[in-house]
Amino acid sequence: MTENLKDRHVVVTGAGRGIGRGIAERMAADGYAVALWDIDAGTADEAARALSGAGGVTLSAQVDVAESSQVRAARDA
């Protein structure tokens, strides 16, 4: 990771499973604080618990990114 990317926060959509979860895991391992957004609250929460248990800083949210109001609300939270 380059020096200018340290101490950053990222949002990963579809973070509950599959590629999104893999990206969230990698970002957490690289020291990012990760917001895990997924349309399925249960998988987002489970992924956040797993990453937090491994020392990552996480926040999970149920977000349907097709709904701009949900995206704005999650961003503001």
C-alpha atoms as a PDB file:
ATOM      1  CA  MET A   1       0.000   0.000   0.000  1.00  0.00           C
ATOM      2  CA  THR A   2       1.326   3.415  -0.862  1.00  0.00           C
ATOM      3  CA  GLU A   3       1.873   5.917   1.902  1.00  0.00           C
ATOM      4  CA  ASN A   4      -0.880   8.296   0.746  1.00  0.00           C
ATOM      5  CA  LEU A   5      -3.560   5.601   1.174  1.00  0.00           C
ATOM      6  CA  LYS A   6      -2.982   4.943   4.885  1.00  0.00           C
ATOM      7  CA  ASP A   7      -5.594   5.881   7.498  1.00  0.00           C
ATOM      8  CA  ARG A   8      -8.465   5.772   5.019  1.00  0.00           C
ATOM      9  CA  HIS A   9     -12.017   4.615   5.255  1.00  0.00           C
ATOM     10  CA  VAL A  10     -13.687   2.613   2.508  1.00  0.00           C
ATOM     11  CA  VAL A  11     -17.191   1.497   1.651  1.00  0.00           C
ATOM     12  CA  VAL A  12     -17.543  -1.946   0.100  1.00  0.00           C
ATOM     13  CA  THR A  13     -20.895  -2.751  -1.484  1.00  0.00           C
ATOM     14  CA  GLY A  14     -22.044  -6.348  -1.709  1.00  0.00           C
ATOM     15  CA  ALA A  15     -19.707  -6.975   1.214  1.00  0.00           C
ATOM     16  CA  GLY A  16     -21.704  -9.784   2.783  1.00  0.00           C
ATOM     17  CA  ARG A  17     -20.351 -12.529   0.555  1.00  0.00           C
ATOM     18  CA  GLY A  18     -18.340 -13.406  -2.523  1.00  0.00           C
ATOM     19  CA  ILE A  19     -16.101 -10.864  -4.209  1.00  0.00           C
ATOM     20  CA  GLY A  20     -17.386  -7.998  -2.047  1.00  0.00           C
ATOM     21  CA  ARG A  21     -16.517  -9.856   1.135  1.00  0.00           C
ATOM     22  CA  GLY A  22     -13.104 -10.724  -0.249  1.00  0.00           C
ATOM     23  CA  ILE A  23     -12.456  -7.066  -1.013  1.00  0.00           C
ATOM     24  CA  ALA A  24     -13.618  -6.060   2.478  1.00  0.00           C
ATOM     25  CA  GLU A  25     -11.317  -8.652   4.042  1.00  0.00           C
ATOM     26  CA  ARG A  26      -8.354  -7.418   2.023  1.00  0.00           C
ATOM     27  CA  MET A  27      -9.036  -3.761   2.796  1.00  0.00           C
ATOM     28  CA  ALA A  28      -9.332  -4.547   6.531  1.00  0.00           C
ATOM     29  CA  ALA A  29      -6.095  -6.551   6.393  1.00  0.00           C
ATOM     30  CA  ASP A  30      -4.433  -3.541   4.779  1.00  0.00           C
ATOM     31  CA  GLY A  31      -5.506  -1.353   7.706  1.00  0.00           C
ATOM     32  CA  TYR A  32      -8.565   0.360   6.293  1.00  0.00           C
ATOM     33  CA  ALA A  33     -11.676   1.024   8.368  1.00  0.00           C
ATOM     34  CA  VAL A  34     -14.347  -0.745   6.318  1.00  0.00           C
ATOM     35  CA  ALA A  35     -18.055  -0.003   5.977  1.00  0.00           C
ATOM     36  CA  LEU A  36     -19.694  -3.197   4.755  1.00  0.00           C
ATOM     37  CA  TRP A  37     -22.886  -2.465   2.828  1.00  0.00           C
ATOM     38  CA  ASP A  38     -25.124  -5.239   1.586  1.00  0.00           C
ATOM     39  CA  ILE A  39     -28.780  -5.639   0.688  1.00  0.00           C
ATOM     40  CA  ASP A  40     -28.830  -8.559   3.174  1.00  0.00           C
ATOM     41  CA  ALA A  41     -28.321  -7.196   6.703  1.00  0.00           C
ATOM     42  CA  GLY A  42     -27.511 -10.641   8.101  1.00  0.00           C
ATOM     43  CA  THR A  43     -24.580 -11.328   5.809  1.00  0.00           C
ATOM     44  CA  ALA A  44     -23.236  -7.788   6.247  1.00  0.00           C
ATOM     45  CA  ASP A  45     -23.390  -8.155  10.031  1.00  0.00           C
ATOM     46  CA  GLU A  46     -21.754 -11.587   9.967  1.00  0.00           C
ATOM     47  CA  ALA A  47     -18.934 -10.345   7.737  1.00  0.00           C
ATOM     48  CA  ALA A  48     -18.401  -7.309   9.969  1.00  0.00           C
ATOM     49  CA  ARG A  49     -18.230  -9.528  13.076  1.00  0.00           C
ATOM     50  CA  ALA A  50     -15.678 -11.786  11.391  1.00  0.00           C
ATOM     51  CA  LEU A  51     -13.489  -8.859  10.344  1.00  0.00           C
ATOM     52  CA  SER A  52     -13.785  -7.182  13.743  1.00  0.00           C
ATOM     53  CA  GLY A  53     -12.810 -10.447  15.417  1.00  0.00           C
ATOM     54  CA  ALA A  54      -9.666 -10.455  13.298  1.00  0.00           C
ATOM     55  CA  GLY A  55      -8.811  -6.919  14.448  1.00  0.00           C
ATOM     56  CA  GLY A  56     -10.430  -4.895  11.674  1.00  0.00           C
ATOM     57  CA  VAL A  57     -12.444  -1.720  12.229  1.00  0.00           C
ATOM     58  CA  THR A  58     -15.859  -2.229  10.654  1.00  0.00           C
ATOM     59  CA  LEU A  59     -19.397  -0.964  10.389  1.00  0.00           C
ATOM     60  CA  SER A  60     -22.178  -2.867   8.643  1.00  0.00           C
ATOM     61  CA  ALA A  61     -25.356  -1.530   7.093  1.00  0.00           C
ATOM     62  CA  GLN A  62     -28.256  -2.863   5.084  1.00  0.00           C
ATOM     63  CA  VAL A  63     -28.204  -0.801   1.903  1.00  0.00           C
ATOM     64  CA  ASP A  64     -29.827  -1.266  -1.479  1.00  0.00           C
ATOM     65  CA  VAL A  65     -27.492   0.812  -3.649  1.00  0.00           C
ATOM     66  CA  ALA A  66     -30.248   1.139  -6.271  1.00  0.00           C
ATOM     67  CA  GLU A  67     -32.060   3.392  -3.776  1.00  0.00           C
ATOM     68  CA  SER A  68     -30.299   6.746  -3.510  1.00  0.00           C
ATOM     69  CA  SER A  69     -32.077   7.582  -0.249  1.00  0.00           C
ATOM     70  CA  GLN A  70     -30.602   4.458   1.367  1.00  0.00           C
ATOM     71  CA  VAL A  71     -27.127   5.303   0.081  1.00  0.00           C
ATOM     72  CA  ARG A  72     -27.361   8.843   1.478  1.00  0.00           C
ATOM     73  CA  ALA A  73     -28.649   7.598   4.838  1.00  0.00           C
ATOM     74  CA  ALA A  74     -25.865   5.005   5.156  1.00  0.00           C
ATOM     75  CA  ARG A  75     -23.242   7.539   4.126  1.00  0.00           C
ATOM     76  CA  ASP A  76     -24.476  10.030   6.697  1.00  0.00           C
ATOM     77  CA  ALA A  77     -24.549   7.391   9.442  1.00  0.00           C
END
